[in-house]
Amino acid sequence: MIGVFDSGHGGLTVLNALHRSMPQTDFLYLGDHHDAPYGDRTPDEIYRLTLAGVSRLFDAGARLVILACNTASAVALRRLQQTWLDAAYPGRRVLGVLVPMVEAITGVPWMADLAAERPAGPPRTIGIFATSRTVDSGAYPREISHRAPEVRVVQQACPDLVPLIEADAPAEVIRAAVARYTDGLLSQLGGEMPQAVMLGCTHYPLVADHFAALLPPGVEVLSQPDLTARSLTAYLERHPEFDRPGTGQVHFLTTGDADRVSRLATRFFGKPARFEKA
């Protein structure tokens, strides 16, 4: 069984892609809706909450956990891997959604960690739309520059986009917010066009059509759920010990109000998702 952790609903877009790619795998999803959103919390709070969520999934039987939350991946993943995991849960693994995006942009495997592992490519500009905390962490530009220093990374925080998506705001309200953020990113570039943009929050795939429509023609919009699914499939090919065949069951847990969360979850997961109280 593979565990998937998120602060709320957004990780369900990743879970959907994972389940489509690995229909025989059992998944256990935990949303920390009680403490969401993480984007406004301090790094220590994010680490503490992420550690608690990952521990719950390991205790429930998961041997591998995906952090399907950009904020948790950006702020807590390395600390979990380097200072806690081996001592607390030897033989288990924690991966994050940040890694597949960085690998896709740089062409460098995560564990290489050095730009010297590859020849420099042509200069490129990449835009990143994310929560304020993910932007403040600097994780995306830092990890990309380690591997591909020729890539210019420009970030744009989108502080009210997640609340609007979760509130199922009218399309025109969502579009107006996305327009502000795309304008903000493009103004930072001073007329230069990015080759691609990353939607660095797992909520944003639900409004990817607005980003695509409001960005200049030819700008690629990278899909985080699909890249994560592709990356995990490749990881499991290299580490088959974590890929134990199941029956394709998916279970959903929440730290919040299970009935309320279940009503909202279908839009993110793409089909009914019945949550139970963690």
Protein backbone atom coordinates (compact mmCIF):
# COMPACT_ATOMS: atom_id res chain seq x y z
CA MET A 1 0.00 0.00 0.00
CA ILE A 2 1.16 3.49 -0.86
CA GLY A 3 0.23 6.43 1.33
CA VAL A 4 -0.59 9.88 -0.05
CA PHE A 5 -0.53 12.88 2.28
CA ASP A 6 -1.80 16.41 1.73
CA SER A 7 -2.96 19.30 3.85
CA GLY A 8 -6.38 19.14 2.21
CA HIS A 9 -8.06 18.38 -1.11
CA GLY A 10 -5.39 19.30 -3.64
CA GLY A 11 -3.50 16.03 -3.33
CA LEU A 12 -6.55 14.23 -4.70
CA THR A 13 -5.57 15.47 -8.17
CA VAL A 14 -2.26 13.64 -7.72
CA LEU A 15 -3.96 10.56 -6.27
CA ASN A 16 -6.26 10.44 -9.30
CA ALA A 17 -3.27 10.37 -11.66
CA LEU A 18 -1.48 7.76 -9.53
CA HIS A 19 -4.52 5.50 -9.43
CA ARG A 20 -5.03 5.76 -13.18
CA SER A 21 -1.38 4.86 -13.78
CA MET A 22 -1.32 2.02 -11.21
CA PRO A 23 -4.86 0.63 -11.05
CA GLN A 24 -3.79 -2.54 -9.18
CA THR A 25 -2.06 -0.63 -6.38
CA ASP A 26 -3.77 0.03 -3.05
CA PHE A 27 -3.66 3.64 -1.85
CA LEU A 28 -4.43 5.31 1.48
CA TYR A 29 -5.02 9.06 1.34
CA LEU A 30 -4.81 11.31 4.40
CA GLY A 31 -5.93 14.93 4.21
CA ASP A 32 -5.09 17.14 7.18
CA HIS A 33 -8.17 19.30 6.64
CA HIS A 34 -8.32 20.21 10.34
CA ASP A 35 -5.03 22.11 10.09
CA ALA A 36 -5.28 23.33 6.50
CA PRO A 37 -4.13 25.47 4.87
CA TYR A 38 -0.40 24.99 5.38
CA GLY A 39 0.57 27.95 3.20
CA ASP A 40 0.16 30.44 6.06
CA ARG A 41 1.98 28.36 8.70
CA THR A 42 5.58 28.61 9.89
CA PRO A 43 8.18 26.11 8.61
CA ASP A 44 8.32 24.40 12.01
CA GLU A 45 4.54 24.02 12.09
CA ILE A 46 4.54 22.58 8.58
CA TYR A 47 7.27 20.13 9.51
CA ARG A 48 5.47 19.02 12.68
CA LEU A 49 2.14 18.52 10.91
CA THR A 50 3.71 16.72 7.97
CA LEU A 51 5.65 14.40 10.27
CA ALA A 52 2.43 13.55 12.13
CA GLY A 53 0.59 12.81 8.88
CA VAL A 54 3.36 10.64 7.46
CA SER A 55 3.59 8.74 10.76
CA ARG A 56 -0.14 7.97 10.64
CA LEU A 57 0.19 6.54 7.14
CA PHE A 58 3.19 4.41 8.08
CA ASP A 59 1.39 3.15 11.18
CA ALA A 60 -1.57 2.21 8.96
CA GLY A 61 0.66 -0.01 6.84
CA ALA A 62 2.10 2.20 4.10
CA ARG A 63 5.75 1.53 3.23
CA LEU A 64 6.04 4.48 0.86
CA VAL A 65 4.38 7.89 1.30
CA ILE A 66 3.96 10.59 -1.33
CA LEU A 67 3.76 14.17 -0.08
CA ALA A 68 1.10 15.39 -2.51
CA CYS A 69 1.47 18.92 -1.17
CA ASN A 70 3.94 21.41 -2.60
CA THR A 71 4.21 23.33 0.67
CA ALA A 72 5.02 20.18 2.67
CA SER A 73 7.41 18.98 -0.05
CA ALA A 74 9.19 22.32 -0.25
CA VAL A 75 9.45 22.93 3.50
CA ALA A 76 9.52 19.53 5.21
CA LEU A 77 10.66 16.77 2.83
CA ARG A 78 14.45 17.08 3.10
CA ARG A 79 14.30 17.50 6.87
CA LEU A 80 12.12 14.39 7.18
CA GLN A 81 14.45 12.37 4.99
CA GLN A 82 17.68 13.55 6.58
CA THR A 83 16.89 13.79 10.30
CA TRP A 84 13.92 11.57 11.10
CA LEU A 85 12.95 8.84 8.66
CA ASP A 86 15.75 6.27 9.04
CA ALA A 87 15.62 6.38 12.82
CA ALA A 88 11.82 6.37 13.17
CA TYR A 89 10.79 4.11 10.27
CA PRO A 90 13.80 2.26 8.82
CA GLY A 91 13.17 0.81 5.40
CA ARG A 92 10.34 3.25 4.60
CA ARG A 93 10.44 6.05 2.04
CA VAL A 94 8.92 9.53 1.70
CA LEU A 95 8.81 11.22 -1.72
CA GLY A 96 7.36 14.57 -2.75
CA VAL A 97 5.68 16.24 -5.71
CA LEU A 98 8.47 18.81 -5.96
CA VAL A 99 10.95 16.20 -7.20
CA PRO A 100 9.23 15.18 -10.49
CA MET A 101 8.81 18.82 -11.50
CA VAL A 102 12.48 19.61 -10.89
CA GLU A 103 13.54 16.47 -12.77
CA ALA A 104 11.27 17.30 -15.71
CA ILE A 105 12.70 20.82 -16.04
CA THR A 106 16.38 19.98 -15.54
CA GLY A 107 16.66 16.48 -16.97
CA VAL A 108 18.78 15.54 -13.95
CA PRO A 109 17.78 12.72 -11.58
CA TRP A 110 17.06 14.01 -8.08
CA MET A 111 19.84 12.04 -6.41
CA ALA A 112 22.51 13.41 -8.80
CA ASP A 113 22.13 16.79 -7.06
CA LEU A 114 24.94 18.40 -9.07
CA ALA A 115 24.93 20.51 -12.22
CA ALA A 116 28.25 18.85 -13.12
CA GLU A 117 26.34 15.63 -13.85
CA ARG A 118 25.07 17.06 -17.15
CA PRO A 119 26.24 19.44 -19.88
CA ALA A 120 24.70 22.88 -19.74
CA GLY A 121 21.69 23.31 -21.97
CA PRO A 122 20.45 26.44 -23.72
CA PRO A 123 19.23 29.28 -21.48
CA ARG A 124 15.56 28.92 -20.59
CA THR A 125 13.04 30.79 -18.49
CA ILE A 126 10.53 28.91 -16.34
CA GLY A 127 7.66 30.48 -14.42
CA ILE A 128 6.28 29.01 -11.21
CA PHE A 129 2.85 29.74 -9.74
CA ALA A 130 2.57 28.55 -6.14
CA THR A 131 1.38 29.36 -2.63
CA SER A 132 3.16 32.08 -0.70
CA ARG A 133 4.89 29.58 1.60
CA THR A 134 6.19 27.49 -1.32
CA VAL A 135 7.51 30.64 -2.99
CA ASP A 136 9.08 31.87 0.25
CA SER A 137 10.83 28.54 0.79
CA GLY A 138 12.83 29.05 -2.41
CA ALA A 139 12.83 25.27 -2.90
CA TYR A 140 12.05 25.24 -6.61
CA PRO A 141 14.64 27.80 -7.73
CA ARG A 142 17.22 26.32 -5.35
CA GLU A 143 16.83 22.74 -6.54
CA ILE A 144 16.62 23.75 -10.20
CA SER A 145 19.76 25.91 -9.99
CA HIS A 146 21.71 23.03 -8.40
CA ARG A 147 21.06 20.93 -11.49
CA ALA A 148 20.56 23.41 -14.33
CA PRO A 149 22.02 26.85 -13.54
CA GLU A 150 21.22 28.02 -17.07
CA VAL A 151 17.49 27.93 -16.24
CA ARG A 152 16.07 31.24 -15.02
CA VAL A 153 13.24 30.70 -12.52
CA VAL A 154 10.65 33.40 -11.85
CA GLN A 155 8.06 32.78 -9.13
CA GLN A 156 4.61 34.24 -8.59
CA ALA A 157 2.72 33.71 -5.33
CA CYS A 158 -1.04 33.20 -5.67
CA PRO A 159 -2.26 33.72 -2.09
CA ASP A 160 -6.03 33.63 -2.62
CA LEU A 161 -6.29 31.02 -5.37
CA VAL A 162 -6.59 27.92 -3.15
CA PRO A 163 -9.45 29.42 -1.05
CA LEU A 164 -11.29 30.40 -4.24
CA ILE A 165 -10.93 26.92 -5.70
CA GLU A 166 -12.05 25.20 -2.50
CA ALA A 167 -15.02 27.58 -2.25
CA ASP A 168 -15.99 26.63 -5.83
CA ALA A 169 -15.99 30.32 -6.75
CA PRO A 170 -17.62 31.34 -10.05
CA ALA A 171 -15.47 30.87 -13.14
CA GLU A 172 -15.24 34.61 -13.75
CA VAL A 173 -13.87 35.18 -10.24
CA ILE A 174 -11.29 32.42 -10.67
CA ARG A 175 -10.32 33.75 -14.08
CA ALA A 176 -9.87 37.28 -12.72
CA ALA A 177 -7.55 35.98 -9.97
CA VAL A 178 -5.53 33.92 -12.45
CA ALA A 179 -5.29 36.96 -14.72
CA ARG A 180 -3.76 38.99 -11.86
CA TYR A 181 -1.18 36.33 -11.22
CA THR A 182 -0.26 35.72 -14.86
CA ASP A 183 0.08 39.48 -15.32
CA GLY A 184 2.28 39.60 -12.21
CA LEU A 185 4.57 36.87 -13.52
CA LEU A 186 4.85 38.40 -17.00
CA SER A 187 5.58 41.84 -15.56
CA GLN A 188 8.53 40.36 -13.68
CA LEU A 189 9.90 39.10 -16.99
CA GLY A 190 9.84 42.54 -18.63
CA GLY A 191 8.56 41.33 -21.98
CA GLU A 192 10.46 38.05 -22.10
CA MET A 193 8.27 34.97 -22.58
CA PRO A 194 8.79 31.85 -20.47
CA GLN A 195 9.21 28.56 -22.29
CA ALA A 196 7.04 26.83 -19.69
CA VAL A 197 5.25 27.40 -16.41
CA MET A 198 4.79 25.08 -13.48
CA LEU A 199 1.57 25.01 -11.50
CA GLY A 200 3.28 24.47 -8.16
CA CYS A 201 0.18 23.66 -6.13
CA THR A 202 -1.91 20.53 -6.46
CA HIS A 203 -5.12 22.61 -6.48
CA TYR A 204 -4.11 24.47 -9.62
CA PRO A 205 -4.72 21.64 -12.16
CA LEU A 206 -8.43 22.30 -11.60
CA VAL A 207 -7.98 25.76 -13.13
CA ALA A 208 -5.17 24.92 -15.59
CA ASP A 209 -7.41 25.94 -18.50
CA HIS A 210 -7.49 29.51 -17.18
CA PHE A 211 -3.68 29.62 -16.93
CA ALA A 212 -3.33 28.21 -20.45
CA ALA A 213 -5.81 30.75 -21.87
CA LEU A 214 -4.24 33.76 -20.15
CA LEU A 215 -0.58 32.98 -20.86
CA PRO A 216 0.99 33.85 -24.24
CA PRO A 217 0.53 31.23 -26.97
CA GLY A 218 3.22 28.56 -26.97
CA VAL A 219 3.92 28.61 -23.22
CA GLU A 220 3.79 25.03 -21.95
CA VAL A 221 1.81 24.42 -18.74
CA LEU A 222 3.37 21.49 -16.88
CA SER A 223 0.98 19.01 -15.27
CA GLN A 224 2.14 18.09 -11.80
CA PRO A 225 -0.18 15.08 -11.25
CA ASP A 226 0.84 13.42 -14.52
CA LEU A 227 4.54 14.06 -13.93
CA THR A 228 4.27 12.68 -10.39
CA ALA A 229 2.56 9.52 -11.64
CA ARG A 230 5.22 9.02 -14.30
CA SER A 231 8.01 9.60 -11.79
CA LEU A 232 6.55 7.19 -9.24
CA THR A 233 6.12 4.48 -11.88
CA ALA A 234 9.80 4.85 -12.78
CA TYR A 235 10.80 4.85 -9.10
CA LEU A 236 8.90 1.62 -8.45
CA GLU A 237 10.59 -0.02 -11.43
CA ARG A 238 13.92 0.76 -9.75
CA HIS A 239 12.64 -0.19 -6.28
CA PRO A 240 10.18 -3.08 -6.73
CA GLU A 241 10.26 -3.80 -2.99
CA PHE A 242 7.80 -0.91 -2.55
CA ASP A 243 5.46 -2.09 -5.32
CA ARG A 244 3.44 -4.86 -3.76
CA PRO A 245 0.42 -5.88 -5.87
CA GLY A 246 -2.95 -5.10 -4.35
CA THR A 247 -6.57 -5.02 -5.43
CA GLY A 248 -6.74 -1.38 -6.48
CA GLN A 249 -8.53 -0.22 -3.33
CA VAL A 250 -8.41 3.46 -2.39
CA HIS A 251 -9.25 4.58 1.15
CA PHE A 252 -9.65 8.17 2.29
CA LEU A 253 -8.97 9.60 5.75
CA THR A 254 -9.30 13.16 7.04
CA THR A 255 -8.50 14.97 10.25
CA GLY A 256 -11.48 17.24 9.55
CA ASP A 257 -15.23 16.82 9.11
CA ALA A 258 -15.54 13.63 7.06
CA ASP A 259 -19.01 14.40 5.67
CA ARG A 260 -18.09 17.90 4.58
CA VAL A 261 -14.78 16.76 3.07
CA SER A 262 -16.52 13.95 1.17
CA ARG A 263 -18.96 16.42 -0.40
CA LEU A 264 -16.11 18.56 -1.72
CA ALA A 265 -13.74 15.76 -2.73
CA THR A 266 -15.40 14.57 -5.93
CA ARG A 267 -14.37 17.68 -7.84
CA PHE A 268 -10.70 17.04 -7.01
CA PHE A 269 -10.61 13.25 -7.34
CA GLY A 270 -12.83 13.11 -10.42
CA LYS A 271 -15.18 10.54 -8.88
CA PRO A 272 -16.86 9.96 -5.51
CA ALA A 273 -14.46 9.80 -2.58
CA ARG A 274 -15.91 8.79 0.78
CA PHE A 275 -13.74 10.03 3.66
CA GLU A 276 -13.55 8.59 7.16
CA LYS A 277 -12.38 10.41 10.28
CA ALA A 278 -8.70 9.68 10.94
